C-alpha atoms as a PDB file:
ATOM      1  CA  MET A   1      91.947 117.467  -7.398  1.00  0.00           C
ATOM      2  CA  LYS A   2      91.326 115.580  -4.161  1.00  0.00           C
ATOM      3  CA  ILE A   3      89.404 112.793  -5.958  1.00  0.00           C
ATOM      4  CA  ASN A   4      92.134 112.480  -8.594  1.00  0.00           C
ATOM      5  CA  SER A   5      94.761 112.192  -5.869  1.00  0.00           C
ATOM      6  CA  ILE A   6      92.825 109.425  -4.153  1.00  0.00           C
ATOM      7  CA  VAL A   7      92.384 107.547  -7.453  1.00  0.00           C
ATOM      8  CA  SER A   8      96.127 107.866  -8.198  1.00  0.00           C
ATOM      9  CA  LEU A   9      96.947 106.577  -4.725  1.00  0.00           C
ATOM     10  CA  ILE A  10      94.653 103.566  -5.171  1.00  0.00           C
ATOM     11  CA  VAL A  11      96.162 102.748  -8.601  1.00  0.00           C
ATOM     12  CA  SER A  12      99.704 103.085  -7.283  1.00  0.00           C
ATOM     13  CA  TYR A  13      98.918 100.843  -4.314  1.00  0.00           C
ATOM     14  CA  ALA A  14      97.259  98.252  -6.547  1.00  0.00           C
ATOM     15  CA  SER A  15     100.274  98.280  -8.830  1.00  0.00           C
ATOM     16  CA  PHE A  16     102.597  97.844  -5.859  1.00  0.00           C
ATOM     17  CA  VAL A  17     100.595  94.882  -4.558  1.00  0.00           C
ATOM     18  CA  TYR A  18     100.493  93.358  -8.043  1.00  0.00           C
ATOM     19  CA  THR A  19     104.225  93.630  -8.626  1.00  0.00           C
ATOM     20  CA  GLN A  20     104.976  92.230  -5.204  1.00  0.00           C
ATOM     21  CA  CYS A  21     102.780  89.132  -5.595  1.00  0.00           C
ATOM     22  CA  SER A  22     104.382  85.806  -4.743  1.00  0.00           C
ATOM     23  CA  GLU A  23     102.245  83.078  -6.180  1.00  0.00           C
ATOM     24  CA  ASN A  24     103.915  79.756  -6.767  1.00  0.00           C
ATOM     25  CA  LYS A  25     103.510  77.424  -9.736  1.00  0.00           C
ATOM     26  CA  ILE A  26     105.221  74.114 -10.439  1.00  0.00           C
ATOM     27  CA  ILE A  27     106.050  73.326 -14.083  1.00  0.00           C
ATOM     28  CA  ASN A  28     106.522  69.724 -15.189  1.00  0.00           C
ATOM     29  CA  TYR A  29     108.648  69.475 -18.353  1.00  0.00           C
ATOM     30  CA  THR A  30     108.376  66.689 -20.911  1.00  0.00           C
ATOM     31  CA  ASP A  31     111.871  65.412 -20.046  1.00  0.00           C
ATOM     32  CA  GLY A  32     110.783  64.761 -16.471  1.00  0.00           C
ATOM     33  CA  SER A  33     112.498  67.784 -14.926  1.00  0.00           C
ATOM     34  CA  VAL A  34     110.621  70.284 -12.805  1.00  0.00           C
ATOM     35  CA  GLY A  35     110.598  74.076 -12.774  1.00  0.00           C
ATOM     36  CA  ASN A  36     109.320  76.478 -10.195  1.00  0.00           C
ATOM     37  CA  TYR A  37     107.770  79.895 -10.863  1.00  0.00           C
ATOM     38  CA  LEU A  38     107.413  82.498  -8.143  1.00  0.00           C
ATOM     39  CA  GLY A  39     105.662  85.754  -8.976  1.00  0.00           C
ATOM     40  CA  CYS A  40     102.481  87.062 -10.538  1.00  0.00           C
ATOM     41  CA  LEU A  41      99.884  84.966 -12.384  1.00  0.00           C
ATOM     42  CA  ASP A  42      96.827  85.930 -14.387  1.00  0.00           C
ATOM     43  CA  ASP A  43      93.382  84.318 -14.044  1.00  0.00           C
ATOM     44  CA  TYR A  44      94.514  81.441 -16.281  1.00  0.00           C
ATOM     45  CA  GLU A  45      97.703  80.860 -14.257  1.00  0.00           C
ATOM     46  CA  ASN A  46      99.916  82.286 -17.002  1.00  0.00           C
ATOM     47  CA  PHE A  47     103.009  84.149 -15.851  1.00  0.00           C
ATOM     48  CA  GLN A  48     101.855  87.764 -15.846  1.00  0.00           C
ATOM     49  CA  GLY A  49     103.822  90.637 -14.296  1.00  0.00           C
ATOM     50  CA  ASN A  50     107.044  90.351 -12.336  1.00  0.00           C
ATOM     51  CA  GLY A  51     108.268  86.858 -11.538  1.00  0.00           C
ATOM     52  CA  THR A  52     111.102  84.346 -11.566  1.00  0.00           C
ATOM     53  CA  LEU A  53     111.213  80.925 -13.217  1.00  0.00           C
ATOM     54  CA  THR A  54     113.845  78.483 -11.915  1.00  0.00           C
ATOM     55  CA  ASN A  55     114.689  75.035 -13.277  1.00  0.00           C
ATOM     56  CA  ASP A  56     117.703  72.729 -13.636  1.00  0.00           C
ATOM     57  CA  THR A  57     119.068  74.717 -16.601  1.00  0.00           C
ATOM     58  CA  TYR A  58     118.479  78.407 -15.922  1.00  0.00           C
ATOM     59  CA  VAL A  59     116.922  81.157 -13.860  1.00  0.00           C
ATOM     60  CA  LYS A  60     114.727  83.572 -15.816  1.00  0.00           C
ATOM     61  CA  SER A  61     113.306  86.646 -14.151  1.00  0.00           C
ATOM     62  CA  GLY A  62     111.644  89.886 -15.178  1.00  0.00           C
ATOM     63  CA  PHE A  63     108.327  91.122 -16.478  1.00  0.00           C
ATOM     64  CA  TRP A  64     106.096  88.464 -18.011  1.00  0.00           C
ATOM     65  CA  LYS A  65     103.128  88.710 -20.351  1.00  0.00           C
ATOM     66  CA  GLN A  66     100.980  85.687 -21.179  1.00  0.00           C
ATOM     67  CA  GLY A  67     103.696  83.319 -20.004  1.00  0.00           C
ATOM     68  CA  LYS A  68     106.588  84.952 -21.841  1.00  0.00           C
ATOM     69  CA  LEU A  69     109.181  87.549 -20.920  1.00  0.00           C
ATOM     70  CA  ASN A  70     108.248  90.959 -22.318  1.00  0.00           C
ATOM     71  CA  GLY A  71     110.208  94.022 -21.229  1.00  0.00           C
ATOM     72  CA  GLU A  72     113.148  94.052 -18.851  1.00  0.00           C
ATOM     73  CA  GLY A  73     114.408  90.602 -17.935  1.00  0.00           C
ATOM     74  CA  THR A  74     117.396  88.433 -17.059  1.00  0.00           C
ATOM     75  CA  LEU A  75     118.360  84.898 -18.007  1.00  0.00           C
ATOM     76  CA  THR A  76     121.134  83.200 -16.010  1.00  0.00           C
ATOM     77  CA  LEU A  77     122.527  79.877 -17.259  1.00  0.00           C
ATOM     78  CA  LEU A  78     123.408  77.568 -14.382  1.00  0.00           C
ATOM     79  CA  SER A  79     126.038  75.642 -16.375  1.00  0.00           C
ATOM     80  CA  ASP A  80     128.574  78.503 -16.573  1.00  0.00           C
ATOM     81  CA  GLY A  81     126.942  81.476 -14.867  1.00  0.00           C
ATOM     82  CA  ALA A  82     126.445  83.323 -18.156  1.00  0.00           C
ATOM     83  CA  VAL A  83     123.925  86.155 -17.922  1.00  0.00           C
ATOM     84  CA  PHE A  84     121.678  87.604 -20.638  1.00  0.00           C
ATOM     85  CA  GLN A  85     120.037  90.828 -19.558  1.00  0.00           C
ATOM     86  CA  GLY A  86     118.028  93.454 -21.373  1.00  0.00           C
ATOM     87  CA  ASP A  87     114.857  94.022 -23.366  1.00  0.00           C
ATOM     88  CA  TRP A  88     112.790  90.924 -24.177  1.00  0.00           C
ATOM     89  CA  GLN A  89     109.986  90.592 -26.687  1.00  0.00           C
ATOM     90  CA  ASN A  90     107.833  87.484 -26.821  1.00  0.00           C
ATOM     91  CA  ASP A  91     110.448  85.575 -24.779  1.00  0.00           C
ATOM     92  CA  GLU A  92     113.300  86.569 -27.117  1.00  0.00           C
ATOM     93  CA  LEU A  93     116.145  88.847 -26.009  1.00  0.00           C
ATOM     94  CA  VAL A  94     116.230  91.750 -28.483  1.00  0.00           C
ATOM     95  CA  SER A  95     118.957  93.982 -27.061  1.00  0.00           C
ATOM     96  CA  GLY A  96     121.007  94.212 -23.908  1.00  0.00           C
ATOM     97  CA  LEU A  97     124.031  92.689 -22.222  1.00  0.00           C
ATOM     98  CA  TYR A  98     125.709  89.283 -22.149  1.00  0.00           C
ATOM     99  CA  THR A  99     128.443  88.487 -19.657  1.00  0.00           C
ATOM    100  CA  VAL A 100     130.333  85.368 -18.594  1.00  0.00           C
ATOM    101  CA  GLN A 101     133.519  84.921 -16.587  1.00  0.00           C
ATOM    102  CA  THR A 102     135.754  81.907 -15.946  1.00  0.00           C
ATOM    103  CA  GLU A 103     139.218  81.440 -14.478  1.00  0.00           C
ATOM    104  CA  ARG A 104     140.698  81.924 -17.968  1.00  0.00           C
ATOM    105  CA  PHE A 105     138.669  84.750 -19.493  1.00  0.00           C
ATOM    106  CA  LYS A 106     135.881  87.301 -19.221  1.00  0.00           C
ATOM    107  CA  LEU A 107     133.456  88.038 -22.048  1.00  0.00           C
ATOM    108  CA  ASN A 108     131.060  90.990 -22.287  1.00  0.00           C
ATOM    109  CA  TYR A 109     128.766  91.914 -25.132  1.00  0.00           C
ATOM    110  CA  PHE A 110     126.518  94.953 -25.461  1.00  0.00           C
ATOM    111  CA  GLY A 111     124.090  95.169 -28.354  1.00  0.00           C
ATOM    112  CA  GLN A 112     121.445  93.340 -30.318  1.00  0.00           C
ATOM    113  CA  PHE A 113     120.567  89.632 -30.145  1.00  0.00           C
ATOM    114  CA  ARG A 114     118.720  86.961 -32.074  1.00  0.00           C
ATOM    115  CA  ASN A 115     118.127  83.477 -30.641  1.00  0.00           C
ATOM    116  CA  LEU A 116     120.472  84.422 -27.755  1.00  0.00           C
ATOM    117  CA  LYS A 117     123.314  85.001 -30.224  1.00  0.00           C
ATOM    118  CA  PHE A 118     125.140  88.249 -30.926  1.00  0.00           C
ATOM    119  CA  HIS A 119     123.217  89.477 -33.953  1.00  0.00           C
ATOM    120  CA  GLY A 120     122.998  93.059 -35.174  1.00  0.00           C
ATOM    121  CA  THR A 121     124.903  96.106 -33.984  1.00  0.00           C
ATOM    122  CA  GLY A 122     127.034  95.484 -30.912  1.00  0.00           C
ATOM    123  CA  LYS A 123     130.321  95.569 -29.054  1.00  0.00           C
ATOM    124  CA  ARG A 124     132.145  92.482 -27.778  1.00  0.00           C
ATOM    125  CA  ILE A 125     134.971  92.611 -25.210  1.00  0.00           C
ATOM    126  CA  PHE A 126     137.022  89.458 -24.567  1.00  0.00           C
ATOM    127  CA  THR A 127     139.650  89.684 -21.834  1.00  0.00           C
ATOM    128  CA  THR A 128     142.346  87.208 -20.747  1.00  0.00           C
ATOM    129  CA  SER A 129     145.461  87.539 -18.611  1.00  0.00           C
ATOM    130  CA  SER A 130     147.576  88.344 -21.683  1.00  0.00           C
ATOM    131  CA  TYR A 131     145.342  90.324 -24.051  1.00  0.00           C
ATOM    132  CA  THR A 132     142.039  92.136 -24.569  1.00  0.00           C
ATOM    133  CA  GLU A 133     140.096  91.837 -27.815  1.00  0.00           C
ATOM    134  CA  ILE A 134     137.414  94.410 -28.660  1.00  0.00           C
ATOM    135  CA  GLN A 135     135.088  93.889 -31.607  1.00  0.00           C
ATOM    136  CA  GLU A 136     132.601  96.553 -32.636  1.00  0.00           C
ATOM    137  CA  GLY A 137     130.224  96.666 -35.560  1.00  0.00           C
ATOM    138  CA  ASP A 138     127.597  94.349 -37.076  1.00  0.00           C
ATOM    139  CA  PHE A 139     127.425  90.762 -35.796  1.00  0.00           C
ATOM    140  CA  PHE A 140     125.933  87.674 -37.409  1.00  0.00           C
ATOM    141  CA  ASN A 141     125.332  84.593 -35.245  1.00  0.00           C
ATOM    142  CA  ASP A 142     128.043  85.535 -32.691  1.00  0.00           C
ATOM    143  CA  ILE A 143     130.580  86.444 -35.422  1.00  0.00           C
ATOM    144  CA  LEU A 144     131.729  89.983 -36.260  1.00  0.00           C
ATOM    145  CA  PHE A 145     130.520  90.421 -39.841  1.00  0.00           C
ATOM    146  CA  ASN A 146     131.410  94.058 -40.553  1.00  0.00           C
ATOM    147  CA  GLY A 147     133.406  96.250 -38.215  1.00  0.00           C
ATOM    148  CA  ILE A 148     136.647  96.809 -36.350  1.00  0.00           C
ATOM    149  CA  GLU A 149     138.598  94.366 -34.159  1.00  0.00           C
ATOM    150  CA  ILE A 150     141.326  95.708 -31.857  1.00  0.00           C
ATOM    151  CA  THR A 151     143.527  93.333 -29.867  1.00  0.00           C
ATOM    152  CA  THR A 152     145.760  94.830 -27.183  1.00  0.00           C
ATOM    153  CA  TYR A 153     148.440  92.585 -25.664  1.00  0.00           C
ATOM    154  CA  ASP A 154     150.061  93.071 -22.282  1.00  0.00           C
ATOM    155  CA  THR A 155     153.383  93.482 -24.125  1.00  0.00           C
ATOM    156  CA  GLY A 156     152.062  96.758 -25.597  1.00  0.00           C
ATOM    157  CA  LEU A 157     151.405  95.343 -29.060  1.00  0.00           C
ATOM    158  CA  ILE A 158     148.126  96.512 -30.635  1.00  0.00           C
ATOM    159  CA  ILE A 159     146.674  94.872 -33.747  1.00  0.00           C
ATOM    160  CA  THR A 160     143.751  96.534 -35.541  1.00  0.00           C
ATOM    161  CA  ASN A 161     141.745  94.543 -38.083  1.00  0.00           C
ATOM    162  CA  ASN A 162     139.099  95.815 -40.488  1.00  0.00           C
ATOM    163  CA  VAL A 163     136.483  93.111 -41.003  1.00  0.00           C
ATOM    164  CA  GLU A 164     134.155  92.908 -44.004  1.00  0.00           C
ATOM    165  CA  LYS A 165     131.688  90.064 -44.534  1.00  0.00           C
ATOM    166  CA  GLY A 166     133.407  88.050 -41.818  1.00  0.00           C
ATOM    167  CA  ASP A 167     136.907  88.310 -43.291  1.00  0.00           C
ATOM    168  CA  VAL A 168     139.848  90.489 -42.257  1.00  0.00           C
ATOM    169  CA  VAL A 169     140.494  92.818 -45.208  1.00  0.00           C
ATOM    170  CA  LEU A 170     143.100  95.076 -43.576  1.00  0.00           C
ATOM    171  CA  SER A 171     145.368  94.480 -40.598  1.00  0.00           C
ATOM    172  CA  LYS A 172     147.699  96.986 -38.948  1.00  0.00           C
ATOM    173  CA  ARG A 173     150.035  96.809 -35.964  1.00  0.00           C
ATOM    174  CA  ASN A 174     151.338  99.622 -33.795  1.00  0.00           C
ATOM    175  CA  ASP A 175     154.914  98.300 -34.197  1.00  0.00           C
ATOM    176  CA  ARG A 176     155.015  98.739 -38.000  1.00  0.00           C
ATOM    177  CA  ASN A 177     155.276 101.639 -40.436  1.00  0.00           C
ATOM    178  CA  TYR A 178     152.703 101.809 -43.235  1.00  0.00           C
ATOM    179  CA  PHE A 179     152.126 103.907 -46.338  1.00  0.00           C
ATOM    180  CA  ASP A 180     150.120 106.976 -45.371  1.00  0.00           C
ATOM    181  CA  PRO A 181     150.325 110.095 -47.582  1.00  0.00           C
ATOM    182  CA  ASN A 182     149.064 112.183 -44.663  1.00  0.00           C
ATOM    183  CA  LYS A 183     152.304 111.442 -42.801  1.00  0.00           C
ATOM    184  CA  ILE A 184     154.485 112.767 -45.629  1.00  0.00           C
ATOM    185  CA  ILE A 185     154.585 116.561 -45.628  1.00  0.00           C
ATOM    186  CA  GLY A 186     155.894 118.295 -48.755  1.00  0.00           C
ATOM    187  CA  ASP A 187     154.695 120.120 -51.864  1.00  0.00           C
ATOM    188  CA  VAL A 188     156.603 118.077 -54.460  1.00  0.00           C
ATOM    189  CA  ALA A 189     155.471 114.793 -56.007  1.00  0.00           C
ATOM    190  CA  SER A 190     158.937 113.255 -55.629  1.00  0.00           C
ATOM    191  CA  SER A 191     162.238 114.017 -53.956  1.00  0.00           C
ATOM    192  CA  LYS A 192     165.671 112.862 -55.065  1.00  0.00           C
ATOM    193  CA  VAL A 193     168.049 112.117 -52.179  1.00  0.00           C
ATOM    194  CA  LEU A 194     171.773 111.800 -52.900  1.00  0.00           C
ATOM    195  CA  LEU A 195     173.511 109.053 -50.959  1.00  0.00           C
ATOM    196  CA  ASP A 196     176.942 109.221 -49.366  1.00  0.00           C
ATOM    197  CA  VAL A 197     179.204 106.390 -50.513  1.00  0.00           C
ATOM    198  CA  GLU A 198     182.069 104.817 -48.611  1.00  0.00           C
ATOM    199  CA  GLY A 199     184.408 102.129 -49.970  1.00  0.00           C
ATOM    200  CA  ASP A 200     184.855 101.019 -53.551  1.00  0.00           C
ATOM    201  CA  GLN A 201     183.962  98.173 -55.840  1.00  0.00           C
ATOM    202  CA  ASN A 202     186.899  96.086 -54.647  1.00  0.00           C
ATOM    203  CA  GLU A 203     186.323  96.557 -50.940  1.00  0.00           C
ATOM    204  CA  GLY A 204     182.554  96.836 -51.177  1.00  0.00           C
ATOM    205  CA  LYS A 205     180.488  99.980 -51.146  1.00  0.00           C
ATOM    206  CA  THR A 206     178.310 101.220 -48.303  1.00  0.00           C
ATOM    207  CA  PHE A 207     175.563 103.736 -49.032  1.00  0.00           C
ATOM    208  CA  PHE A 208     174.391 106.206 -46.402  1.00  0.00           C
ATOM    209  CA  VAL A 209     171.195 108.276 -46.221  1.00  0.00           C
ATOM    210  CA  ASN A 210     171.372 111.602 -44.408  1.00  0.00           C
ATOM    211  CA  MET A 211     168.343 112.511 -42.284  1.00  0.00           C
ATOM    212  CA  ASN A 212     167.467 115.162 -39.713  1.00  0.00           C
ATOM    213  CA  ILE A 213     165.499 114.620 -36.538  1.00  0.00           C
ATOM    214  CA  ASP A 214     164.696 118.124 -35.318  1.00  0.00           C
ATOM    215  CA  ALA A 215     168.184 119.716 -35.151  1.00  0.00           C
ATOM    216  CA  PHE A 216     169.786 116.291 -34.848  1.00  0.00           C
ATOM    217  CA  GLU A 217     171.764 115.292 -37.944  1.00  0.00           C
ATOM    218  CA  ALA A 218     172.898 111.755 -38.648  1.00  0.00           C
ATOM    219  CA  LYS A 219     173.236 109.164 -41.383  1.00  0.00           C
ATOM    220  CA  TRP A 220     171.802 105.691 -41.763  1.00  0.00           C
ATOM    221  CA  VAL A 221     173.190 102.767 -43.728  1.00  0.00           C
ATOM    222  CA  PHE A 222     170.901 102.046 -46.670  1.00  0.00           C
ATOM    223  CA  ASP A 223     170.187  98.338 -46.194  1.00  0.00           C
ATOM    224  CA  SER A 224     167.637  96.769 -48.521  1.00  0.00           C
ATOM    225  CA  GLY A 225     168.027  93.510 -46.582  1.00  0.00           C
ATOM    226  CA  ALA A 226     166.821  95.031 -43.302  1.00  0.00           C
ATOM    227  CA  GLN A 227     163.095  94.923 -42.599  1.00  0.00           C
ATOM    228  CA  LEU A 228     163.069  97.519 -39.812  1.00  0.00           C
ATOM    229  CA  THR A 229     164.765 100.908 -39.659  1.00  0.00           C
ATOM    230  CA  SER A 230     166.970 101.107 -36.581  1.00  0.00           C
ATOM    231  CA  ILE A 231     168.923 103.579 -34.484  1.00  0.00           C
ATOM    232  CA  GLY A 232     172.244 102.464 -33.031  1.00  0.00           C
ATOM    233  CA  LYS A 233     172.780 102.554 -29.283  1.00  0.00           C
ATOM    234  CA  ARG A 234     175.287 105.451 -29.355  1.00  0.00           C
ATOM    235  CA  MET A 235     173.243 107.476 -31.816  1.00  0.00           C
ATOM    236  CA  PHE A 236     170.149 107.155 -29.639  1.00  0.00           C
ATOM    237  CA  GLU A 237     172.040 108.319 -26.553  1.00  0.00           C
ATOM    238  CA  ARG A 238     173.222 111.379 -28.489  1.00  0.00           C
ATOM    239  CA  LEU A 239     169.688 111.957 -29.712  1.00  0.00           C
ATOM    240  CA  LYS A 240     168.417 112.030 -26.136  1.00  0.00           C
ATOM    241  CA  GLN A 241     171.205 114.329 -24.986  1.00  0.00           C
ATOM    242  CA  GLU A 242     170.283 116.825 -27.706  1.00  0.00           C
ATOM    243  CA  GLY A 243     166.704 116.904 -26.423  1.00  0.00           C
ATOM    244  CA  VAL A 244     164.936 115.119 -29.246  1.00  0.00           C
ATOM    245  CA  THR A 245     161.533 113.978 -27.989  1.00  0.00           C
ATOM    246  CA  PHE A 246     160.199 110.507 -28.663  1.00  0.00           C
ATOM    247  CA  LYS A 247     157.420 108.193 -27.521  1.00  0.00           C
ATOM    248  CA  ASP A 248     158.445 104.851 -26.049  1.00  0.00           C
ATOM    249  CA  LEU A 249     156.044 102.140 -27.264  1.00  0.00           C
ATOM    250  CA  LYS A 250     157.324  99.870 -24.457  1.00  0.00           C
ATOM    251  CA  LEU A 251     157.728  97.061 -26.949  1.00  0.00           C
ATOM    252  CA  ASN A 252     160.840  94.898 -26.997  1.00  0.00           C
ATOM    253  CA  ILE A 253     161.488  93.000 -30.211  1.00  0.00           C
ATOM    254  CA  LYS A 254     164.077  90.648 -31.640  1.00  0.00           C
ATOM    255  CA  THR A 255     165.253  90.790 -35.221  1.00  0.00           C
ATOM    256  CA  PHE A 256     167.329  88.187 -37.022  1.00  0.00           C
ATOM    257  CA  GLY A 257     170.011  88.988 -39.566  1.00  0.00           C
ATOM    258  CA  VAL A 258     173.407  87.955 -40.866  1.00  0.00           C
ATOM    259  CA  GLY A 259     174.999  89.139 -37.628  1.00  0.00           C
ATOM    260  CA  GLY A 260     172.630  87.058 -35.508  1.00  0.00           C
ATOM    261  CA  VAL A 261     169.877  88.085 -33.100  1.00  0.00           C
ATOM    262  CA  SER A 262     169.446  91.757 -32.261  1.00  0.00           C
ATOM    263  CA  ASN A 263     167.327  93.044 -29.364  1.00  0.00           C
ATOM    264  CA  GLY A 264     165.705  96.447 -29.410  1.00  0.00           C
ATOM    265  CA  ASN A 265     162.953  98.731 -28.159  1.00  0.00           C
ATOM    266  CA  LEU A 266     160.461 100.529 -30.384  1.00  0.00           C
ATOM    267  CA  VAL A 267     160.012 104.297 -30.260  1.00  0.00           C
ATOM    268  CA  ILE A 268     158.027 106.823 -32.285  1.00  0.00           C
ATOM    269  CA  ILE A 269     159.818 109.986 -33.394  1.00  0.00           C
ATOM    270  CA  GLU A 270     157.512 112.789 -34.438  1.00  0.00           C
ATOM    271  CA  ASN A 271     159.517 114.627 -37.110  1.00  0.00           C
ATOM    272  CA  ILE A 272     162.097 113.260 -39.564  1.00  0.00           C
ATOM    273  CA  ARG A 273     163.347 115.268 -42.525  1.00  0.00           C
ATOM    274  CA  VAL A 274     164.774 113.560 -45.579  1.00  0.00           C
ATOM    275  CA  GLY A 275     165.187 115.322 -48.911  1.00  0.00           C
ATOM    276  CA  ASP A 276     162.210 117.631 -49.492  1.00  0.00           C
ATOM    277  CA  TYR A 277     159.909 115.722 -47.146  1.00  0.00           C
ATOM    278  CA  LEU A 278     159.000 115.845 -43.473  1.00  0.00           C
ATOM    279  CA  ILE A 279     157.867 112.433 -42.217  1.00  0.00           C
ATOM    280  CA  LYS A 280     155.541 112.297 -39.237  1.00  0.00           C
ATOM    281  CA  ASP A 281     155.459 109.689 -36.451  1.00  0.00           C
ATOM    282  CA  PHE A 282     157.980 107.169 -37.732  1.00  0.00           C
ATOM    283  CA  ILE A 283     158.669 104.009 -35.716  1.00  0.00           C
ATOM    284  CA  PHE A 284     162.323 103.145 -35.083  1.00  0.00           C
ATOM    285  CA  LYS A 285     163.883 100.132 -33.491  1.00  0.00           C
ATOM    286  CA  VAL A 286     166.488 101.269 -30.935  1.00  0.00           C
ATOM    287  CA  ASN A 287     169.318  98.728 -30.864  1.00  0.00           C
ATOM    288  CA  LEU A 288     170.224  97.778 -27.316  1.00  0.00           C
ATOM    289  CA  GLU A 289     173.388  95.818 -28.092  1.00  0.00           C
ATOM    290  CA  ASN A 290     175.061  97.457 -31.113  1.00  0.00           C
ATOM    291  CA  ASN A 291     175.632 100.778 -32.853  1.00  0.00           C
ATOM    292  CA  PHE A 292     174.185  99.918 -36.257  1.00  0.00           C
ATOM    293  CA  SER A 293     171.746 102.484 -37.666  1.00  0.00           C
ATOM    294  CA  LEU A 294     170.073 100.900 -40.674  1.00  0.00           C
ATOM    295  CA  LEU A 295     167.516 102.293 -43.094  1.00  0.00           C
ATOM    296  CA  GLY A 296     165.248  99.317 -43.734  1.00  0.00           C
ATOM    297  CA  MET A 297     162.433  98.388 -46.070  1.00  0.00           C
ATOM    298  CA  ASP A 298     159.778  99.747 -43.707  1.00  0.00           C
ATOM    299  CA  PHE A 299     161.106 103.232 -44.498  1.00  0.00           C
ATOM    300  CA  MET A 300     160.507 102.556 -48.207  1.00  0.00           C
ATOM    301  CA  ASP A 301     157.003 101.346 -47.382  1.00  0.00           C
ATOM    302  CA  MET A 302     156.119 104.840 -46.176  1.00  0.00           C
ATOM    303  CA  PHE A 303     156.136 106.037 -49.811  1.00  0.00           C
ATOM    304  CA  SER A 304     154.033 105.150 -52.827  1.00  0.00           C
ATOM    305  CA  ASN A 305     157.256 104.214 -54.636  1.00  0.00           C
ATOM    306  CA  VAL A 306     161.028 104.375 -54.167  1.00  0.00           C
ATOM    307  CA  ILE A 307     163.661 104.093 -56.919  1.00  0.00           C
ATOM    308  CA  TRP A 308     167.283 103.355 -56.091  1.00  0.00           C
ATOM    309  CA  ASN A 309     169.698 104.505 -58.772  1.00  0.00           C
ATOM    310  CA  LYS A 310     172.997 102.791 -58.117  1.00  0.00           C
ATOM    311  CA  ARG A 311     174.869 104.667 -60.854  1.00  0.00           C
ATOM    312  CA  ASP A 312     174.323 108.142 -59.471  1.00  0.00           C
ATOM    313  CA  SER A 313     173.972 106.920 -55.858  1.00  0.00           C
ATOM    314  CA  SER A 314     170.500 108.265 -55.218  1.00  0.00           C
ATOM    315  CA  LEU A 315     167.094 107.394 -53.856  1.00  0.00           C
ATOM    316  CA  THR A 316     164.020 108.981 -55.423  1.00  0.00           C
ATOM    317  CA  LEU A 317     161.076 109.046 -53.015  1.00  0.00           C
ATOM    318  CA  TYR A 318     157.540 109.362 -54.409  1.00  0.00           C
ATOM    319  CA  LYS A 319     154.880 110.827 -52.171  1.00  0.00           C
END
């Protein structure tokens, strides 16, 4: 035991001395520039062990083997301060971290590399003063090839893109309603909703859709020309007074129609009942300047199909 302890102590001390070596070697490049290596060298003056190579272009430090980085290492580019750090094999970064920061943006990448490019499985985070973009999946030469891209703006807008073979195949925003059968609760394949009608053919007819939000009952003007479904200012105040809960998306939007520009905030309401269906997490525009409550095309987009029968004043909603 005592001999083994002494041997271990000698090996540990030798390793410590080896890793702390500070030999110096000047490298003359073919373009006339000069590099300087400080660290460990083998008997043939190859970089071997821990050391740092500095030249006009970069600083490269870490564990060297036969003149090349092998193991943990760091490459810092002097032009922009970009740093590559991680696991190196035969002087090539295999996996690790890339980071660079300027006055305009910050870029981080965690994952696999090839030829100092994002290549393989990884996660890229690009941040500016107005938005953050996160890409995660499989990269090919710095480009997200297959995966998910989420961009979050300081306005509260979030855009999620599904990427396949370098192209966006599906894009969704958190300020839009989309078809999702999981958000439509009901046992029937379709539901026929009778519309209230005001006016006549001479004066012009207005069709209304009755809906319930919790115990809150109200009617919306059926407007096939409106893109977004809205809640009028007075209706929303009554909704709040009756204790209906909602989530404020903290997004202010402008819509343009026959009446001009309309400003509004976006909110999510958890439960809406129309006909035989309960709709989950529907996004409404709350009008800030008028009392119009319109049922727009985004409501129709929640369903696989919608049929408007003008003769019997009905909407048939298909789950």
